[in-house]
Amino acid sequence: METLAIALLAFFAAGWSVLAGADLGTGMLTPWLGRSDRERRLVLASFAPFFLGNEVWLVATAGVLIGCFPALEGELLSGQLPVLVALLTGWILRDAGLWSRGRGPGPRWRAGCDAAVTCGSWAVALSWGWLLAALLTGRPHAPATGSTGLLTALAVAALFVAHGLGFAALRLTGPPYERARRLVGRAGRPWQPFALTAVLLGGLPLWAGAGLPLAERAASPATLALLAPALLVVTPLLVAVQAWIWHAFRHRVTGPSYL
């Protein structure tokens, strides 16, 4: 059961990194991809159908960690508290900007919400990189410091940006698409850069988790025997719903119809 619990934790963490990396990376680039109000609405509409479903994977990751590895969860929560607070703050700020953009009056309100989406997306990406830096250096009990933490956070954020560019090149039309495609490059098929960054983003949490004492921090066999099979039953449903969402919204966005 320990092996199954570790596999589920790895699956959900890698899944969130890949799926949420698309909407976060695109959100980080919103001011550059969208130069006008309508273009920014188009950029936000490109990932609007996906971001809530993608966030479920982070919730599932936290749920597996709390239920199956409570000792490690306590160590991470106490040791990485500033990092987790920054990540959650960015998450709330980004979502608040998305939900509130069309509910207030005037261009200043919309500009403020767009700034919240961009800043919140950057905060989540940098915080995720900051957390991975601590895990990669074998220090889950304390946030990464110095050049290692800074460079890792910036590198992960840059990878999110590249992933978002690949996603934008697959989803957008018009001038925002041309700007994304200009940086992605026109060589090869449009999905190839997105697939490459997906592999890298999915591999990062697996690499970081490989150094954690997961087996030593696992819950009791009785708890794992109860939780792991239940999670295994729910996982195919989550994957099926996610696949349906990506299939239903597989076409390029031609107008700001989702928000």
Protein backbone atom coordinates (compact mmCIF):
# COMPACT_ATOMS: atom_id res chain seq x y z
CA MET A 1 0.00 0.00 0.00
CA GLU A 2 2.90 2.35 0.60
CA THR A 3 4.00 1.99 -3.01
CA LEU A 4 0.47 2.71 -4.24
CA ALA A 5 0.20 5.81 -2.04
CA ILE A 6 3.58 7.09 -3.28
CA ALA A 7 2.54 6.49 -6.89
CA LEU A 8 -0.73 8.39 -6.38
CA LEU A 9 1.09 11.32 -4.75
CA ALA A 10 3.56 11.45 -7.64
CA PHE A 11 0.77 11.21 -10.21
CA PHE A 12 -1.27 14.07 -8.76
CA ALA A 13 1.74 16.33 -8.18
CA ALA A 14 3.08 15.81 -11.70
CA GLY A 15 -0.42 16.20 -13.14
CA TRP A 16 -0.96 19.53 -11.43
CA SER A 17 2.43 20.82 -12.53
CA VAL A 18 1.69 19.99 -16.18
CA LEU A 19 -1.98 21.02 -16.33
CA ALA A 20 -1.85 24.11 -14.14
CA GLY A 21 1.43 25.10 -15.75
CA ALA A 22 -0.55 25.80 -18.92
CA ASP A 23 -3.03 28.26 -17.41
CA LEU A 24 -0.51 29.79 -15.01
CA GLY A 25 2.07 30.26 -17.76
CA THR A 26 -0.49 31.90 -20.02
CA GLY A 27 -1.67 34.10 -17.14
CA MET A 28 1.92 35.19 -16.51
CA LEU A 29 2.09 36.41 -20.12
CA THR A 30 -1.29 38.15 -20.26
CA PRO A 31 0.06 41.74 -20.54
CA TRP A 32 2.42 40.74 -23.34
CA LEU A 33 0.06 38.52 -25.30
CA GLY A 34 -2.90 40.87 -24.95
CA ARG A 35 -2.17 44.50 -25.75
CA SER A 36 -5.79 45.70 -25.71
CA ASP A 37 -8.77 44.96 -23.48
CA ARG A 38 -10.32 42.63 -26.06
CA GLU A 39 -7.04 40.79 -26.63
CA ARG A 40 -6.58 40.28 -22.91
CA ARG A 41 -10.09 38.90 -22.67
CA LEU A 42 -9.18 36.53 -25.48
CA VAL A 43 -6.07 35.38 -23.61
CA LEU A 44 -8.04 34.77 -20.41
CA ALA A 45 -10.74 32.93 -22.36
CA SER A 46 -8.10 30.54 -23.71
CA PHE A 47 -7.61 28.93 -20.30
CA ALA A 48 -10.85 29.87 -18.52
CA PRO A 49 -12.48 26.44 -19.07
CA PHE A 50 -9.49 24.63 -17.59
CA PHE A 51 -8.18 26.42 -14.51
CA LEU A 52 -10.73 25.14 -11.98
CA GLY A 53 -10.32 21.54 -13.11
CA ASN A 54 -6.55 21.93 -12.99
CA GLU A 55 -6.69 23.19 -9.41
CA VAL A 56 -8.40 19.96 -8.35
CA TRP A 57 -5.09 18.18 -8.94
CA LEU A 58 -3.34 20.39 -6.38
CA VAL A 59 -6.13 19.76 -3.88
CA ALA A 60 -5.80 16.02 -4.56
CA THR A 61 -2.03 16.23 -4.02
CA ALA A 62 -2.55 17.93 -0.68
CA GLY A 63 -5.22 15.37 0.25
CA VAL A 64 -2.95 12.40 -0.47
CA LEU A 65 -0.11 14.04 1.45
CA ILE A 66 -2.28 14.76 4.50
CA GLY A 67 -4.03 11.40 4.53
CA CYS A 68 -1.24 9.02 3.55
CA PHE A 69 1.87 10.87 4.77
CA PRO A 70 0.75 12.91 7.82
CA ALA A 71 4.20 13.09 9.40
CA LEU A 72 5.76 14.47 6.23
CA GLU A 73 2.82 16.84 5.77
CA GLY A 74 3.40 18.26 9.24
CA GLU A 75 7.10 18.70 8.53
CA LEU A 76 6.43 20.44 5.22
CA LEU A 77 3.67 22.63 6.62
CA SER A 78 5.81 23.90 9.48
CA GLY A 79 9.07 24.12 7.55
CA GLN A 80 7.73 25.57 4.30
CA LEU A 81 5.06 27.84 5.76
CA PRO A 82 6.28 31.07 4.08
CA VAL A 83 6.44 29.29 0.71
CA LEU A 84 2.98 27.78 1.07
CA VAL A 85 1.49 31.09 2.21
CA ALA A 86 2.97 32.79 -0.86
CA LEU A 87 1.62 30.05 -3.12
CA LEU A 88 -1.88 30.21 -1.66
CA THR A 89 -1.88 34.02 -1.75
CA GLY A 90 -0.98 33.97 -5.43
CA TRP A 91 -3.58 31.31 -6.11
CA ILE A 92 -6.34 33.35 -4.41
CA LEU A 93 -5.22 36.58 -6.11
CA ARG A 94 -5.21 34.99 -9.56
CA ASP A 95 -8.65 33.41 -9.10
CA ALA A 96 -10.10 36.60 -7.66
CA GLY A 97 -8.94 38.49 -10.74
CA LEU A 98 -10.49 35.93 -13.07
CA TRP A 99 -13.82 35.82 -11.27
CA SER A 100 -14.08 39.58 -10.72
CA ARG A 101 -12.98 40.92 -14.10
CA GLY A 102 -16.43 41.08 -15.65
CA ARG A 103 -18.24 42.13 -12.49
CA GLY A 104 -16.97 45.66 -11.99
CA PRO A 105 -17.38 48.94 -13.86
CA GLY A 106 -14.90 50.55 -16.17
CA PRO A 107 -11.52 49.86 -17.72
CA ARG A 108 -9.59 50.57 -14.50
CA TRP A 109 -11.37 47.72 -12.74
CA ARG A 110 -10.59 45.34 -15.58
CA ALA A 111 -6.97 46.50 -15.67
CA GLY A 112 -6.68 45.85 -11.93
CA CYS A 113 -8.13 42.36 -12.34
CA ASP A 114 -5.75 41.64 -15.22
CA ALA A 115 -2.86 42.72 -12.99
CA ALA A 116 -4.14 40.39 -10.25
CA VAL A 117 -4.21 37.49 -12.70
CA THR A 118 -0.67 38.20 -13.87
CA CYS A 119 0.85 38.85 -10.43
CA GLY A 120 -0.98 35.90 -8.89
CA SER A 121 0.22 33.57 -11.64
CA TRP A 122 3.81 34.70 -11.16
CA ALA A 123 3.51 34.27 -7.39
CA VAL A 124 2.28 30.68 -7.74
CA ALA A 125 5.00 29.77 -10.26
CA LEU A 126 7.81 31.31 -8.20
CA SER A 127 6.51 29.74 -4.99
CA TRP A 128 6.33 26.32 -6.64
CA GLY A 129 9.93 26.74 -7.78
CA TRP A 130 10.93 27.90 -4.30
CA LEU A 131 9.33 24.80 -2.78
CA LEU A 132 10.99 22.49 -5.31
CA ALA A 133 14.36 24.08 -4.54
CA ALA A 134 14.05 23.04 -0.89
CA LEU A 135 12.96 19.52 -1.81
CA LEU A 136 15.70 19.08 -4.42
CA THR A 137 18.37 20.06 -1.91
CA GLY A 138 16.98 17.63 0.67
CA ARG A 139 15.76 20.33 3.07
CA PRO A 140 11.97 19.90 3.42
CA HIS A 141 12.18 21.31 6.96
CA ALA A 142 13.22 24.83 5.84
CA PRO A 143 12.76 27.11 2.79
CA ALA A 144 15.60 27.24 0.29
CA THR A 145 17.85 30.28 0.65
CA GLY A 146 20.61 31.97 -1.27
CA SER A 147 21.33 31.63 -4.96
CA THR A 148 20.04 28.04 -5.10
CA GLY A 149 16.54 29.00 -4.06
CA LEU A 150 16.48 32.12 -6.24
CA LEU A 151 17.82 30.46 -9.39
CA THR A 152 15.57 27.42 -9.02
CA ALA A 153 12.48 29.58 -8.52
CA LEU A 154 13.35 31.69 -11.58
CA ALA A 155 14.11 28.61 -13.69
CA VAL A 156 10.80 26.96 -12.79
CA ALA A 157 8.94 30.22 -13.48
CA ALA A 158 10.66 30.43 -16.88
CA LEU A 159 9.55 26.87 -17.60
CA PHE A 160 5.98 27.83 -16.71
CA VAL A 161 6.24 30.74 -19.15
CA ALA A 162 7.49 28.45 -21.92
CA HIS A 163 4.68 26.01 -21.20
CA GLY A 164 2.15 28.84 -21.29
CA LEU A 165 3.54 30.02 -24.62
CA GLY A 166 3.08 26.55 -26.07
CA PHE A 167 -0.47 26.43 -24.75
CA ALA A 168 -1.24 29.90 -26.11
CA ALA A 169 0.09 28.92 -29.52
CA LEU A 170 -2.34 26.00 -29.54
CA ARG A 171 -5.37 27.94 -28.30
CA LEU A 172 -5.23 31.55 -29.46
CA THR A 173 -5.96 33.30 -32.74
CA GLY A 174 -5.18 36.71 -34.18
CA PRO A 175 -2.43 38.99 -32.85
CA PRO A 176 -2.10 37.15 -29.47
CA TYR A 177 -1.44 33.94 -31.37
CA GLU A 178 1.16 35.63 -33.57
CA ARG A 179 2.99 36.95 -30.51
CA ALA A 180 3.02 33.53 -28.87
CA ARG A 181 4.05 31.75 -32.05
CA ARG A 182 6.86 34.23 -32.60
CA LEU A 183 8.54 33.13 -29.38
CA VAL A 184 7.64 29.47 -29.61
CA GLY A 185 9.08 29.26 -33.11
CA ARG A 186 7.56 28.05 -36.34
CA ALA A 187 9.68 24.95 -36.81
CA GLY A 188 7.91 21.64 -36.34
CA ARG A 189 4.32 21.05 -35.26
CA PRO A 190 2.65 23.51 -32.85
CA TRP A 191 2.14 20.89 -30.13
CA GLN A 192 5.80 19.85 -29.94
CA PRO A 193 7.05 22.72 -27.70
CA PHE A 194 4.05 22.22 -25.43
CA ALA A 195 4.75 18.50 -25.14
CA LEU A 196 8.41 19.12 -24.34
CA THR A 197 7.69 21.58 -21.54
CA ALA A 198 4.97 19.22 -20.23
CA VAL A 199 7.54 16.45 -19.84
CA LEU A 200 9.93 18.79 -18.02
CA LEU A 201 7.25 20.17 -15.71
CA GLY A 202 5.97 16.70 -14.92
CA GLY A 203 9.46 15.43 -14.19
CA LEU A 204 10.37 18.17 -11.71
CA PRO A 205 8.09 17.10 -8.83
CA LEU A 206 9.03 13.46 -9.45
CA TRP A 207 12.70 14.36 -9.18
CA ALA A 208 12.09 16.41 -6.04
CA GLY A 209 9.96 13.70 -4.46
CA ALA A 210 12.55 11.02 -5.09
CA GLY A 211 14.67 12.42 -2.27
CA LEU A 212 11.88 12.54 0.31
CA PRO A 213 11.58 9.81 2.97
CA LEU A 214 8.06 8.92 1.86
CA ALA A 215 8.12 5.29 3.00
CA GLU A 216 9.40 6.30 6.43
CA ARG A 217 6.72 9.00 6.85
CA ALA A 218 3.78 6.93 5.60
CA ALA A 219 0.66 6.46 7.68
CA SER A 220 -0.14 3.20 9.42
CA PRO A 221 -0.89 0.13 7.24
CA ALA A 222 -4.52 0.20 8.37
CA THR A 223 -4.92 3.82 7.26
CA LEU A 224 -3.24 3.18 3.92
CA ALA A 225 -5.39 0.09 3.38
CA LEU A 226 -8.45 2.32 3.73
CA LEU A 227 -7.33 5.41 1.83
CA ALA A 228 -5.20 4.11 -1.03
CA PRO A 229 -7.88 1.88 -2.65
CA ALA A 230 -10.46 4.66 -2.30
CA LEU A 231 -8.14 7.12 -4.02
CA LEU A 232 -7.40 4.56 -6.72
CA VAL A 233 -11.12 4.28 -7.47
CA VAL A 234 -11.60 8.07 -7.69
CA THR A 235 -8.53 8.70 -9.84
CA PRO A 236 -9.93 7.31 -13.15
CA LEU A 237 -13.00 9.53 -12.72
CA LEU A 238 -10.80 12.59 -12.26
CA VAL A 239 -8.76 11.68 -15.34
CA ALA A 240 -11.91 11.06 -17.39
CA VAL A 241 -13.43 14.42 -16.46
CA GLN A 242 -10.15 16.19 -17.22
CA ALA A 243 -9.91 14.46 -20.60
CA TRP A 244 -13.51 15.42 -21.40
CA ILE A 245 -12.84 19.08 -20.59
CA TRP A 246 -9.76 19.20 -22.83
CA HIS A 247 -11.68 17.44 -25.61
CA ALA A 248 -14.73 19.71 -25.31
CA PHE A 249 -12.60 22.88 -25.48
CA ARG A 250 -10.01 21.60 -27.95
CA HIS A 251 -10.70 24.25 -30.61
CA ARG A 252 -8.95 27.59 -30.83
CA VAL A 253 -10.53 30.58 -29.15
CA THR A 254 -11.86 33.15 -31.59
CA GLY A 255 -13.67 35.38 -29.13
CA PRO A 256 -13.96 36.11 -25.39
CA SER A 257 -16.96 33.84 -25.04
CA TYR A 258 -16.03 31.98 -21.86
CA LEU A 259 -15.89 34.98 -19.52
